[in-house]
N, C-alpha and C. Protein backbone atom coordinates (compact mmCIF):
# COMPACT_ATOMS: atom_id res chain seq x y z
N MET A 1 65.46 55.17 -26.66
CA MET A 1 64.38 55.56 -27.35
C MET A 1 63.31 54.73 -27.50
N MET A 2 63.27 53.50 -27.40
CA MET A 2 62.39 52.81 -27.34
C MET A 2 61.40 52.89 -26.11
N ARG A 3 62.07 53.14 -24.98
CA ARG A 3 61.59 53.58 -23.42
C ARG A 3 60.63 54.71 -23.67
N PHE A 4 61.18 55.81 -24.58
CA PHE A 4 60.44 56.97 -24.78
C PHE A 4 59.15 56.80 -25.13
N PHE A 5 59.26 56.05 -26.49
CA PHE A 5 57.93 55.99 -27.23
C PHE A 5 56.74 55.03 -26.48
N LEU A 6 57.54 54.00 -25.58
CA LEU A 6 56.52 53.26 -24.57
C LEU A 6 56.04 54.34 -23.55
N ALA A 7 56.48 55.07 -23.15
CA ALA A 7 56.12 55.96 -22.05
C ALA A 7 55.19 56.69 -22.73
N VAL A 8 55.48 57.25 -23.89
CA VAL A 8 54.32 58.14 -24.48
C VAL A 8 52.95 57.49 -25.17
N ALA A 9 53.10 56.04 -25.14
CA ALA A 9 51.90 55.51 -25.45
C ALA A 9 51.12 55.11 -24.39
N VAL A 10 51.60 55.06 -23.21
CA VAL A 10 51.25 54.54 -21.72
C VAL A 10 50.32 55.99 -21.39
N MET A 11 51.16 57.07 -21.35
CA MET A 11 50.48 58.28 -21.04
C MET A 11 49.18 58.68 -21.94
N LEU A 12 49.59 58.44 -23.48
CA LEU A 12 48.16 58.79 -24.30
C LEU A 12 47.07 57.80 -23.71
N THR A 13 47.23 56.63 -23.27
CA THR A 13 46.36 55.67 -23.29
C THR A 13 45.53 56.12 -21.64
N LEU A 14 46.46 56.16 -20.81
CA LEU A 14 46.00 56.61 -19.52
C LEU A 14 44.98 57.98 -19.72
N SER A 15 45.56 59.16 -20.38
CA SER A 15 44.90 60.29 -20.55
C SER A 15 43.50 60.12 -21.05
N GLY A 16 43.09 58.96 -21.92
CA GLY A 16 42.07 58.71 -22.29
C GLY A 16 40.87 58.25 -21.24
N CYS A 17 41.47 57.88 -20.48
CA CYS A 17 40.38 57.43 -19.00
C CYS A 17 40.08 58.55 -17.99
N LEU A 18 40.98 59.65 -18.61
CA LEU A 18 40.73 60.68 -17.72
C LEU A 18 39.60 62.09 -18.54
N TRP A 19 39.07 61.33 -19.54
CA TRP A 19 38.23 62.56 -20.39
C TRP A 19 37.03 63.04 -19.72
N PRO A 20 36.96 64.30 -19.28
CA PRO A 20 36.02 64.84 -18.45
C PRO A 20 34.80 64.99 -19.22
N GLY A 21 34.60 64.51 -20.24
CA GLY A 21 33.33 64.64 -20.76
C GLY A 21 32.31 63.92 -20.48
N VAL A 22 32.39 62.52 -19.81
CA VAL A 22 31.43 61.74 -19.38
C VAL A 22 31.04 61.88 -17.98
N THR A 23 29.78 62.57 -17.69
CA THR A 23 29.47 62.40 -16.10
C THR A 23 28.95 61.21 -15.74
N PRO A 24 29.09 60.68 -14.45
CA PRO A 24 28.51 59.90 -13.92
C PRO A 24 26.92 60.02 -13.61
N PRO A 25 26.26 59.16 -13.36
CA PRO A 25 24.79 59.30 -12.87
C PRO A 25 24.88 60.02 -11.68
N GLN A 26 23.68 60.85 -11.25
CA GLN A 26 23.76 61.80 -10.38
C GLN A 26 22.71 61.00 -9.45
N THR A 27 22.54 60.98 -8.13
CA THR A 27 21.79 60.39 -7.11
C THR A 27 20.83 61.73 -6.98
N LEU A 28 19.58 61.80 -7.09
CA LEU A 28 18.79 63.02 -6.54
C LEU A 28 17.91 62.46 -5.22
N HIS A 29 17.46 63.31 -4.29
CA HIS A 29 16.73 62.64 -3.30
C HIS A 29 15.75 63.93 -3.08
N TYR A 30 14.61 63.07 -3.02
CA TYR A 30 13.08 63.94 -3.12
C TYR A 30 12.41 63.53 -1.78
N ARG A 31 11.71 64.67 -1.42
CA ARG A 31 10.31 64.10 -0.07
C ARG A 31 9.19 64.51 -0.91
N CYS A 32 8.34 63.32 -0.80
CA CYS A 32 7.09 63.73 -1.49
C CYS A 32 6.06 63.46 -0.26
N GLY A 33 5.85 64.90 0.07
CA GLY A 33 5.23 64.65 1.59
C GLY A 33 5.73 64.17 2.34
N THR A 34 5.61 62.87 3.13
CA THR A 34 6.42 62.23 4.20
C THR A 34 7.13 61.37 3.33
N LEU A 35 7.07 60.76 2.39
CA LEU A 35 7.84 59.92 1.50
C LEU A 35 8.90 60.18 1.13
N PRO A 36 9.96 59.49 1.34
CA PRO A 36 11.15 59.62 0.25
C PRO A 36 11.26 59.06 -0.64
N LEU A 37 12.17 59.73 -1.72
CA LEU A 37 12.08 59.18 -3.37
C LEU A 37 13.39 59.51 -3.72
N THR A 38 14.24 58.08 -3.97
CA THR A 38 15.62 58.75 -4.33
C THR A 38 15.70 57.94 -6.02
N LEU A 39 16.30 58.62 -6.72
CA LEU A 39 16.64 58.31 -8.00
C LEU A 39 18.13 58.44 -8.57
N GLN A 40 18.19 57.80 -9.55
CA GLN A 40 19.78 58.04 -10.27
C GLN A 40 19.23 58.79 -11.76
N GLN A 41 20.12 60.09 -11.78
CA GLN A 41 19.58 60.69 -13.00
C GLN A 41 20.88 60.53 -14.24
N ASP A 42 20.62 59.74 -15.22
CA ASP A 42 21.73 59.60 -16.09
C ASP A 42 21.50 60.50 -17.33
N ASN A 43 22.50 61.80 -17.24
CA ASN A 43 22.04 62.57 -18.51
C ASN A 43 22.78 62.14 -19.63
N VAL A 44 23.63 61.33 -19.68
CA VAL A 44 24.30 60.70 -20.80
C VAL A 44 23.42 59.67 -21.68
N ARG A 45 22.62 58.88 -20.54
CA ARG A 45 21.70 58.29 -21.62
C ARG A 45 20.47 58.51 -21.49
N ARG A 46 20.23 60.06 -20.94
CA ARG A 46 18.80 60.58 -20.71
C ARG A 46 17.81 59.50 -20.12
N GLN A 47 18.15 58.76 -18.86
CA GLN A 47 17.34 57.94 -18.30
C GLN A 47 17.44 58.33 -16.78
N VAL A 48 16.43 58.01 -16.08
CA VAL A 48 16.30 57.95 -14.67
C VAL A 48 16.16 56.59 -14.17
N ARG A 49 16.69 55.88 -12.87
CA ARG A 49 16.55 54.68 -12.63
C ARG A 49 16.00 55.27 -11.15
N LEU A 50 14.84 54.40 -10.62
CA LEU A 50 14.14 54.18 -9.41
C LEU A 50 13.43 53.00 -9.05
N VAL A 51 13.10 52.96 -7.97
CA VAL A 51 12.17 51.74 -7.45
C VAL A 51 10.92 52.44 -6.99
N LEU A 52 9.96 51.74 -7.72
CA LEU A 52 8.31 52.24 -7.41
C LEU A 52 7.70 50.93 -7.06
N ASP A 53 6.40 50.77 -6.14
CA ASP A 53 5.93 49.65 -5.92
C ASP A 53 6.52 48.47 -6.02
N GLY A 54 7.83 48.58 -5.29
CA GLY A 54 9.10 47.41 -5.20
C GLY A 54 9.32 47.02 -6.72
N ASN A 55 9.18 47.64 -7.48
CA ASN A 55 9.81 47.43 -8.85
C ASN A 55 11.25 48.23 -9.33
N ALA A 56 11.88 47.83 -9.81
CA ALA A 56 13.02 48.57 -10.11
C ALA A 56 12.78 49.02 -11.47
N LEU A 57 12.58 50.61 -11.90
CA LEU A 57 12.01 51.22 -13.14
C LEU A 57 13.41 51.97 -14.24
N THR A 58 13.50 51.64 -15.03
CA THR A 58 14.21 52.54 -15.87
C THR A 58 13.65 53.47 -16.89
N LEU A 59 13.23 54.56 -16.41
CA LEU A 59 12.45 55.40 -17.47
C LEU A 59 13.32 56.59 -18.47
N SER A 60 12.84 56.46 -19.77
CA SER A 60 13.66 57.11 -20.59
C SER A 60 13.25 58.66 -20.93
N GLN A 61 13.91 59.89 -21.09
CA GLN A 61 13.75 61.37 -21.11
C GLN A 61 12.57 61.10 -22.48
N THR A 62 11.41 62.00 -22.52
CA THR A 62 10.48 62.15 -23.45
C THR A 62 10.53 63.33 -23.65
N LEU A 63 9.88 63.90 -24.79
CA LEU A 63 9.12 65.33 -24.65
C LEU A 63 8.52 65.86 -23.66
N SER A 64 8.89 67.20 -23.53
CA SER A 64 8.33 68.18 -22.40
C SER A 64 8.58 69.53 -22.85
N ALA A 65 7.17 69.88 -22.71
CA ALA A 65 6.86 71.43 -22.99
C ALA A 65 7.74 72.45 -22.04
N SER A 66 7.68 71.85 -20.90
CA SER A 66 8.26 72.52 -19.72
C SER A 66 9.00 71.29 -18.55
N GLY A 67 10.27 71.55 -18.42
CA GLY A 67 10.66 70.84 -17.22
C GLY A 67 11.19 69.45 -17.90
N VAL A 68 11.14 68.56 -17.12
CA VAL A 68 12.07 67.34 -17.59
C VAL A 68 11.07 65.94 -17.54
N ARG A 69 10.88 65.35 -18.28
CA ARG A 69 9.98 64.18 -18.18
C ARG A 69 10.39 62.70 -18.67
N TYR A 70 10.44 61.80 -17.56
CA TYR A 70 11.13 60.48 -18.22
C TYR A 70 9.79 59.68 -17.72
N SER A 71 9.55 58.71 -18.90
CA SER A 71 8.48 57.70 -18.87
C SER A 71 8.80 56.41 -19.60
N ASP A 72 8.03 55.23 -18.99
CA ASP A 72 8.31 54.00 -19.88
C ASP A 72 6.96 53.57 -20.39
N GLY A 73 6.10 54.46 -20.57
CA GLY A 73 4.73 54.22 -21.04
C GLY A 73 3.72 54.08 -19.99
N ARG A 74 4.10 53.45 -18.55
CA ARG A 74 3.00 53.44 -17.51
C ARG A 74 3.38 53.93 -16.16
N TYR A 75 4.99 54.27 -16.12
CA TYR A 75 5.10 55.23 -15.02
C TYR A 75 5.84 56.47 -16.05
N THR A 76 5.55 57.71 -14.89
CA THR A 76 6.09 59.27 -15.67
C THR A 76 6.55 59.71 -14.30
N PHE A 77 8.14 59.86 -14.68
CA PHE A 77 8.75 61.09 -13.63
C PHE A 77 8.79 62.44 -14.42
N TRP A 78 8.43 63.51 -13.47
CA TRP A 78 8.16 64.70 -14.07
C TRP A 78 8.64 65.94 -13.25
N SER A 79 10.10 66.77 -13.70
CA SER A 79 10.46 67.41 -12.66
C SER A 79 10.63 68.54 -13.68
N LYS A 80 10.73 70.08 -12.44
CA LYS A 80 10.74 71.07 -12.96
C LYS A 80 11.23 71.98 -11.82
N GLY A 81 12.89 72.40 -12.03
CA GLY A 81 13.32 73.23 -10.91
C GLY A 81 13.49 72.23 -10.02
N GLU A 82 13.08 72.14 -8.62
CA GLU A 82 13.22 71.63 -7.38
C GLU A 82 12.18 70.73 -7.02
N GLY A 83 10.89 70.54 -8.11
CA GLY A 83 9.72 70.12 -7.87
C GLY A 83 9.30 69.09 -8.71
N ALA A 84 8.78 67.84 -8.52
CA ALA A 84 8.49 66.86 -9.29
C ALA A 84 7.14 66.32 -8.74
N PHE A 85 6.86 65.09 -9.57
CA PHE A 85 5.92 64.27 -9.54
C PHE A 85 5.88 62.89 -10.25
N VAL A 86 4.89 61.99 -9.80
CA VAL A 86 5.29 60.72 -10.28
C VAL A 86 3.80 60.18 -10.71
N GLU A 87 3.41 59.73 -11.62
CA GLU A 87 2.07 59.36 -12.27
C GLU A 87 2.32 57.82 -12.65
N ARG A 88 1.18 56.74 -12.28
CA ARG A 88 1.23 55.55 -12.80
C ARG A 88 0.03 55.21 -13.81
N ASP A 89 0.08 54.93 -14.93
CA ASP A 89 -1.13 54.94 -15.88
C ASP A 89 -1.87 56.12 -15.79
N GLY A 90 -1.23 57.36 -15.97
CA GLY A 90 -1.78 58.27 -15.71
C GLY A 90 -2.57 59.05 -14.60
N TYR A 91 -2.26 58.35 -13.57
CA TYR A 91 -2.70 58.77 -12.23
C TYR A 91 -1.82 59.23 -11.32
N LEU A 92 -1.82 60.26 -10.75
CA LEU A 92 -0.93 60.76 -9.91
C LEU A 92 -0.60 59.88 -8.77
N ILE A 93 0.52 59.36 -8.61
CA ILE A 93 0.50 58.75 -7.32
C ILE A 93 1.37 59.24 -5.99
N LEU A 94 2.70 60.05 -6.73
CA LEU A 94 3.32 60.99 -5.67
C LEU A 94 3.29 62.37 -6.27
N ASN A 95 2.99 63.43 -5.25
CA ASN A 95 2.82 64.51 -5.65
C ASN A 95 3.62 65.45 -4.79
N ASP A 96 3.59 66.72 -5.01
CA ASP A 96 4.38 67.57 -4.11
C ASP A 96 5.75 67.22 -3.74
N CYS A 97 6.82 66.49 -4.58
CA CYS A 97 7.87 66.11 -4.30
C CYS A 97 8.76 67.26 -4.42
N ARG A 98 10.05 67.25 -3.58
CA ARG A 98 10.85 68.63 -3.28
C ARG A 98 12.14 67.86 -3.22
N LEU A 99 13.13 68.26 -4.23
CA LEU A 99 14.41 68.14 -4.18
C LEU A 99 15.10 68.48 -2.90
N GLN A 100 15.67 67.23 -2.04
CA GLN A 100 16.27 67.65 -0.86
C GLN A 100 17.98 67.90 -1.19
N ARG A 101 18.39 69.29 -0.59
CA ARG A 101 19.77 69.44 -0.79
C ARG A 101 20.75 69.31 0.49
């Protein structure tokens, strides 16, 4: 009888590890003209992580009237559909970015 309860306890513990509600960050590849841009999009934390100007950046999702916008106050990544662009200090630094499939 004790083995049965132990087996049930182990199964319940392990079933918690398989919860499908958490999705891992997704790697997205963009082509901005001739330049590649790769980022990690974390929908759970509402953040993107990318490297720009040699700096590893984490940008948090902010309000957007259209599309999805992430910013840290200096850098902004904005995407809508398969298009995107990046700004630094309000100036466009990467334009015409297209999602690669």
